């Protein structure tokens, strides 16, 4: 396999893992979102800590990176909390599709944080992506899921901003495993007081689901990290949109969820825009090589 093929495989595995994470989050039932998020990050921080110990890495971080680490973790924590809330209140495919606004949000945020000037095509794609997301969000007072959809949009903004800070930290030379550990530990500590405010004792079945959600999230996180170590995002990021398809299939089989025609049109439009962005990235890569 070429590095590009390995990267694409890792991205697809990551998409499947995060889709399964959402399934287990929903199967965990009516537990509060912070409590579900706590278990997700408990597994993640244990896995990240194990990787650091296995590789004999210390927890020293450059002073210049601390603010970016905190901001990356804060925005990422917001993204997790919003996503878990949305998964409990929306169709899995809808929640995944809205969350896939993240790549377009990173283009916008990069303008302010990294001073990266977007191309004219990227500006058009961002505008069209938000317009297409309205097919899924369906902004109207008669839409009972509008609140959850808007929460997921906020979560996508948080996740998109967090990924830009990941890029800043990478440019500062901070190791990816250290970034994952810091983020997981930060989120875990942030969710402890929120969980204590409204703690519900999980049943054995719910506990198993929460643990499985954490395992799937951790596997997805490392899969996507390895994916981008094999190949640049411009060559493989389109594969991440398979999560929408996985979520639609899993949502149907586990919960009997069937999206309406407007949502399906929104899914198709977002995937098409992502494919155009992917082709543009490939062209740019070829021109610069």
Protein backbone atom coordinates (compact mmCIF):
# COMPACT_ATOMS: atom_id res chain seq x y z
CA UNK A 1 0.00 0.00 0.00
CA UNK A 2 1.14 3.53 -0.74
CA UNK A 3 1.19 6.12 2.05
CA UNK A 4 -1.83 7.78 0.47
CA UNK A 5 -3.78 4.50 0.53
CA UNK A 6 -2.76 3.91 4.15
CA UNK A 7 -3.92 7.44 5.01
CA UNK A 8 -7.26 6.93 3.29
CA UNK A 9 -7.79 3.61 5.11
CA UNK A 10 -7.00 5.24 8.46
CA UNK A 11 -9.44 8.07 7.73
CA UNK A 12 -12.23 5.61 6.88
CA UNK A 13 -11.48 3.62 10.06
CA UNK A 14 -11.58 6.87 12.02
CA UNK A 15 -14.94 7.82 10.47
CA UNK A 16 -16.38 4.39 11.34
CA UNK A 17 -14.99 4.64 14.88
CA UNK A 18 -16.57 8.04 15.52
CA UNK A 19 -19.88 6.83 14.01
CA UNK A 20 -19.81 3.85 16.41
CA UNK A 21 -18.90 6.20 19.27
CA UNK A 22 -22.09 8.16 18.56
CA UNK A 23 -24.09 4.90 18.52
CA UNK A 24 -22.76 3.91 21.96
CA UNK A 25 -23.34 7.43 23.29
CA UNK A 26 -27.00 7.19 22.27
CA UNK A 27 -27.32 3.61 23.53
CA UNK A 28 -26.12 4.84 26.94
CA UNK A 29 -29.57 6.37 27.36
CA UNK A 30 -30.69 9.40 29.34
CA UNK A 31 -27.44 10.11 31.17
CA UNK A 32 -26.37 13.79 31.18
CA UNK A 33 -24.06 14.84 28.32
CA UNK A 34 -21.18 15.92 30.66
CA UNK A 35 -21.25 12.48 32.30
CA UNK A 36 -21.02 10.75 28.92
CA UNK A 37 -18.21 13.11 27.92
CA UNK A 38 -16.37 12.33 31.17
CA UNK A 39 -16.20 8.61 30.41
CA UNK A 40 -15.17 9.31 26.81
CA UNK A 41 -12.18 11.33 28.00
CA UNK A 42 -11.31 8.98 30.86
CA UNK A 43 -10.57 6.22 28.34
CA UNK A 44 -8.78 8.68 26.03
CA UNK A 45 -6.46 10.05 28.72
CA UNK A 46 -5.54 6.52 29.87
CA UNK A 47 -4.73 5.49 26.28
CA UNK A 48 -2.73 8.67 25.59
CA UNK A 49 -0.82 8.28 28.86
CA UNK A 50 0.02 4.66 27.98
CA UNK A 51 1.33 5.73 24.56
CA UNK A 52 3.53 8.41 26.13
CA UNK A 53 4.97 5.96 28.68
CA UNK A 54 5.53 3.31 26.01
CA UNK A 55 7.47 5.83 23.90
CA UNK A 56 9.35 7.11 26.97
CA UNK A 57 8.11 10.65 26.42
CA UNK A 58 7.95 13.22 29.21
CA UNK A 59 5.19 15.76 29.80
CA UNK A 60 7.34 18.82 29.24
CA UNK A 61 5.64 21.47 27.11
CA UNK A 62 7.30 24.65 25.79
CA UNK A 63 6.15 27.77 27.64
CA UNK A 64 5.17 29.39 24.36
CA UNK A 65 2.76 26.53 23.66
CA UNK A 66 0.73 26.62 26.88
CA UNK A 67 -1.82 29.22 25.81
CA UNK A 68 -2.42 27.41 22.51
CA UNK A 69 -2.74 24.09 24.38
CA UNK A 70 -5.36 25.54 26.72
CA UNK A 71 -7.31 27.17 23.89
CA UNK A 72 -7.13 23.99 21.76
CA UNK A 73 -8.43 21.98 24.71
CA UNK A 74 -11.16 24.47 25.66
CA UNK A 75 -12.58 24.64 22.13
CA UNK A 76 -12.23 20.87 21.72
CA UNK A 77 -14.06 20.28 25.01
CA UNK A 78 -16.89 22.51 23.82
CA UNK A 79 -17.02 20.49 20.59
CA UNK A 80 -17.31 17.17 22.46
CA UNK A 81 -20.04 18.40 24.81
CA UNK A 82 -22.12 19.85 21.97
CA UNK A 83 -21.67 16.74 19.83
CA UNK A 84 -22.80 14.40 22.61
CA UNK A 85 -25.86 16.56 23.25
CA UNK A 86 -26.71 16.62 19.54
CA UNK A 87 -26.26 12.85 19.17
CA UNK A 88 -28.85 12.34 21.90
CA UNK A 89 -31.39 14.66 20.23
CA UNK A 90 -30.86 14.37 16.46
CA UNK A 91 -30.67 11.64 13.84
CA UNK A 92 -27.13 10.27 13.92
CA UNK A 93 -26.65 11.15 10.25
CA UNK A 94 -27.87 14.73 10.82
CA UNK A 95 -25.53 15.19 13.80
CA UNK A 96 -22.60 13.82 11.78
CA UNK A 97 -23.40 15.93 8.72
CA UNK A 98 -23.58 19.19 10.69
CA UNK A 99 -20.35 18.26 12.46
CA UNK A 100 -18.72 17.88 9.04
CA UNK A 101 -18.87 21.65 8.65
CA UNK A 102 -15.59 21.56 10.59
CA UNK A 103 -13.23 21.56 7.54
CA UNK A 104 -14.97 24.63 6.16
CA UNK A 105 -14.91 26.34 9.57
CA UNK A 106 -11.16 25.75 9.83
CA UNK A 107 -10.72 27.73 6.60
CA UNK A 108 -12.45 30.72 8.20
CA UNK A 109 -10.70 30.44 11.57
CA UNK A 110 -7.29 30.02 9.90
CA UNK A 111 -7.68 33.50 8.43
CA UNK A 112 -7.68 35.01 11.92
CA UNK A 113 -5.36 32.66 13.82
CA UNK A 114 -2.83 31.65 11.17
CA UNK A 115 -3.20 34.62 8.80
CA UNK A 116 -3.79 32.15 5.95
CA UNK A 117 -5.54 33.83 3.06
CA UNK A 118 -8.24 31.59 1.54
CA UNK A 119 -8.61 31.25 -2.20
CA UNK A 120 -11.71 32.55 -3.97
CA UNK A 121 -12.89 28.95 -4.40
CA UNK A 122 -12.54 28.29 -0.66
CA UNK A 123 -14.62 31.37 0.17
CA UNK A 124 -17.36 30.18 -2.19
CA UNK A 125 -17.23 26.65 -0.74
CA UNK A 126 -17.55 27.96 2.84
CA UNK A 127 -20.61 30.04 1.94
CA UNK A 128 -22.21 27.14 0.05
CA UNK A 129 -21.44 24.69 2.88
CA UNK A 130 -23.29 26.81 5.43
CA UNK A 131 -26.14 27.29 2.96
CA UNK A 132 -26.39 23.52 2.37
CA UNK A 133 -26.32 22.87 6.12
CA UNK A 134 -29.66 24.72 6.33
CA UNK A 135 -31.23 21.76 4.51
CA UNK A 136 -30.30 19.63 7.52
CA UNK A 137 -30.82 22.23 10.26
CA UNK A 138 -34.19 23.36 8.80
CA UNK A 139 -34.37 26.68 10.66
CA UNK A 140 -38.02 27.19 11.55
CA UNK A 141 -40.05 27.48 14.75
CA UNK A 142 -41.93 24.30 13.79
CA UNK A 143 -38.70 22.27 13.84
CA UNK A 144 -38.47 20.63 17.26
CA UNK A 145 -34.84 19.69 16.64
CA UNK A 146 -33.70 23.22 15.79
CA UNK A 147 -32.12 23.80 19.20
CA UNK A 148 -30.06 20.60 19.04
CA UNK A 149 -28.99 21.42 15.47
CA UNK A 150 -27.76 24.86 16.53
CA UNK A 151 -25.91 23.30 19.46
CA UNK A 152 -24.14 21.03 16.98
CA UNK A 153 -23.23 24.05 14.81
CA UNK A 154 -21.62 25.63 17.91
CA UNK A 155 -19.84 22.32 18.51
CA UNK A 156 -18.55 22.29 14.92
CA UNK A 157 -17.24 25.83 15.39
CA UNK A 158 -15.50 24.69 18.58
CA UNK A 159 -13.98 21.63 16.90
CA UNK A 160 -12.90 23.61 13.82
CA UNK A 161 -11.19 26.21 15.98
CA UNK A 162 -9.53 23.46 18.02
CA UNK A 163 -8.05 21.89 14.88
CA UNK A 164 -6.52 25.21 13.86
CA UNK A 165 -4.83 25.37 17.27
CA UNK A 166 -3.58 21.81 16.70
CA UNK A 167 -1.91 23.07 13.54
CA UNK A 168 -0.39 26.00 15.46
CA UNK A 169 0.96 23.62 18.09
CA UNK A 170 2.36 21.29 15.43
CA UNK A 171 4.13 24.25 13.84
CA UNK A 172 5.58 25.01 17.29
CA UNK A 173 7.01 21.49 17.37
CA UNK A 174 4.69 19.97 20.01
CA UNK A 175 4.35 16.19 19.61
CA UNK A 176 0.89 14.96 18.54
CA UNK A 177 0.67 12.41 21.38
CA UNK A 178 1.38 15.17 23.90
CA UNK A 179 -1.35 17.33 22.36
CA UNK A 180 -3.85 14.44 22.60
CA UNK A 181 -2.87 13.74 26.23
CA UNK A 182 -3.16 17.40 27.28
CA UNK A 183 -6.53 17.76 25.55
CA UNK A 184 -7.89 14.52 27.05
CA UNK A 185 -6.70 15.42 30.56
CA UNK A 186 -8.04 18.98 30.27
CA UNK A 187 -11.45 17.76 29.13
CA UNK A 188 -11.56 15.11 31.84
CA UNK A 189 -10.91 17.71 34.55
CA UNK A 190 -13.43 20.10 32.98
CA UNK A 191 -16.19 17.49 32.95
CA UNK A 192 -15.70 16.32 36.55
CA UNK A 193 -17.47 19.33 38.22
CA UNK A 194 -20.16 19.38 35.49
CA UNK A 195 -20.81 15.67 36.11
CA UNK A 196 -20.98 16.16 39.89
CA UNK A 197 -23.68 18.82 39.46
CA UNK A 198 -26.05 16.30 37.83
CA UNK A 199 -24.67 12.81 38.37
CA UNK A 200 -26.79 9.77 37.57
CA UNK A 201 -25.59 6.31 38.52
CA UNK A 202 -25.28 4.34 35.27
CA UNK A 203 -26.55 0.79 35.02
CA UNK A 204 -24.14 -1.97 34.01
CA UNK A 205 -25.40 -1.78 30.41
CA UNK A 206 -24.97 2.00 30.33
CA UNK A 207 -21.48 1.69 31.81
CA UNK A 208 -20.46 -0.79 29.10
CA UNK A 209 -21.82 1.59 26.43
CA UNK A 210 -19.88 4.51 27.92
CA UNK A 211 -16.66 2.50 28.00
CA UNK A 212 -17.19 1.38 24.40
CA UNK A 213 -17.85 5.00 23.38
CA UNK A 214 -14.53 5.96 24.97
CA UNK A 215 -12.70 3.12 23.22
CA UNK A 216 -14.20 4.04 19.84
CA UNK A 217 -13.38 7.73 20.35
CA UNK A 218 -9.78 6.92 21.28
CA UNK A 219 -9.36 4.59 18.30
CA UNK A 220 -10.84 7.26 16.03
CA UNK A 221 -8.54 9.95 17.43
CA UNK A 222 -5.40 7.91 16.87
CA UNK A 223 -6.58 6.69 13.45
CA UNK A 224 -7.01 10.24 12.19
CA UNK A 225 -3.67 11.27 13.73
CA UNK A 226 -1.88 8.45 11.92
CA UNK A 227 -3.81 9.19 8.73
CA UNK A 228 -2.40 12.70 8.50
CA UNK A 229 1.08 11.38 9.23
CA UNK A 230 0.82 9.21 6.10
CA UNK A 231 -0.52 11.86 3.73
CA UNK A 232 -1.55 15.55 3.69
CA UNK A 233 -5.16 16.49 4.38
CA UNK A 234 -5.64 17.70 0.80
CA UNK A 235 -5.22 14.13 -0.44
CA UNK A 236 -7.29 12.14 2.06
CA UNK A 237 -9.70 14.41 4.00
CA UNK A 238 -12.62 13.64 1.66
CA UNK A 239 -12.73 10.11 3.12
CA UNK A 240 -13.78 11.57 6.47
CA UNK A 241 -17.23 12.24 5.00
CA UNK A 242 -17.89 8.50 4.99
CA UNK A 243 -18.95 9.06 8.60
CA UNK A 244 -22.24 10.52 7.32
CA UNK A 245 -22.91 7.29 5.39
CA UNK A 246 -21.85 5.09 8.32
CA UNK A 247 -24.07 7.12 10.67
CA UNK A 248 -27.09 6.84 8.35
CA UNK A 249 -26.67 3.05 8.15
CA UNK A 250 -26.01 2.56 11.87
CA UNK A 251 -28.82 4.94 12.82
CA UNK A 252 -31.27 2.91 10.72
CA UNK A 253 -30.22 -0.50 12.08
CA UNK A 254 -29.87 0.49 15.74
CA UNK A 255 -32.60 3.11 16.13
CA UNK A 256 -34.80 2.84 13.03
CA UNK A 257 -33.83 6.37 12.01
CA UNK A 258 -34.68 7.48 8.47
CA UNK A 259 -33.71 10.97 7.31
CA UNK A 260 -36.08 13.03 5.16
CA UNK A 261 -35.32 14.09 1.58
CA UNK A 262 -34.07 17.52 2.61
CA UNK A 263 -31.47 16.00 4.92
CA UNK A 264 -30.33 13.57 2.21
CA UNK A 265 -30.02 16.49 -0.20
CA UNK A 266 -27.95 18.30 2.42
CA UNK A 267 -25.70 15.25 2.93
CA UNK A 268 -25.13 14.93 -0.83
CA UNK A 269 -24.42 18.65 -1.22
CA UNK A 270 -21.89 18.73 1.65
CA UNK A 271 -20.10 15.66 0.31
CA UNK A 272 -20.02 17.23 -3.17
CA UNK A 273 -18.54 20.45 -1.80
CA UNK A 274 -15.98 18.46 0.19
CA UNK A 275 -15.06 16.59 -3.00
CA UNK A 276 -14.55 19.87 -4.87
CA UNK A 277 -12.36 21.12 -2.01
CA UNK A 278 -10.46 17.83 -2.14
CA UNK A 279 -9.82 18.15 -5.90
CA UNK A 280 -8.67 21.74 -5.44
CA UNK A 281 -6.26 20.60 -2.72
CA UNK A 282 -4.86 17.88 -4.99
CA UNK A 283 -4.34 20.40 -7.80
CA UNK A 284 -2.56 22.81 -5.44
CA UNK A 285 -0.32 19.99 -4.19
CA UNK A 286 0.65 18.99 -7.73
CA UNK A 287 1.40 22.58 -8.72
CA UNK A 288 3.64 23.15 -5.69
CA UNK A 289 5.57 19.87 -6.17
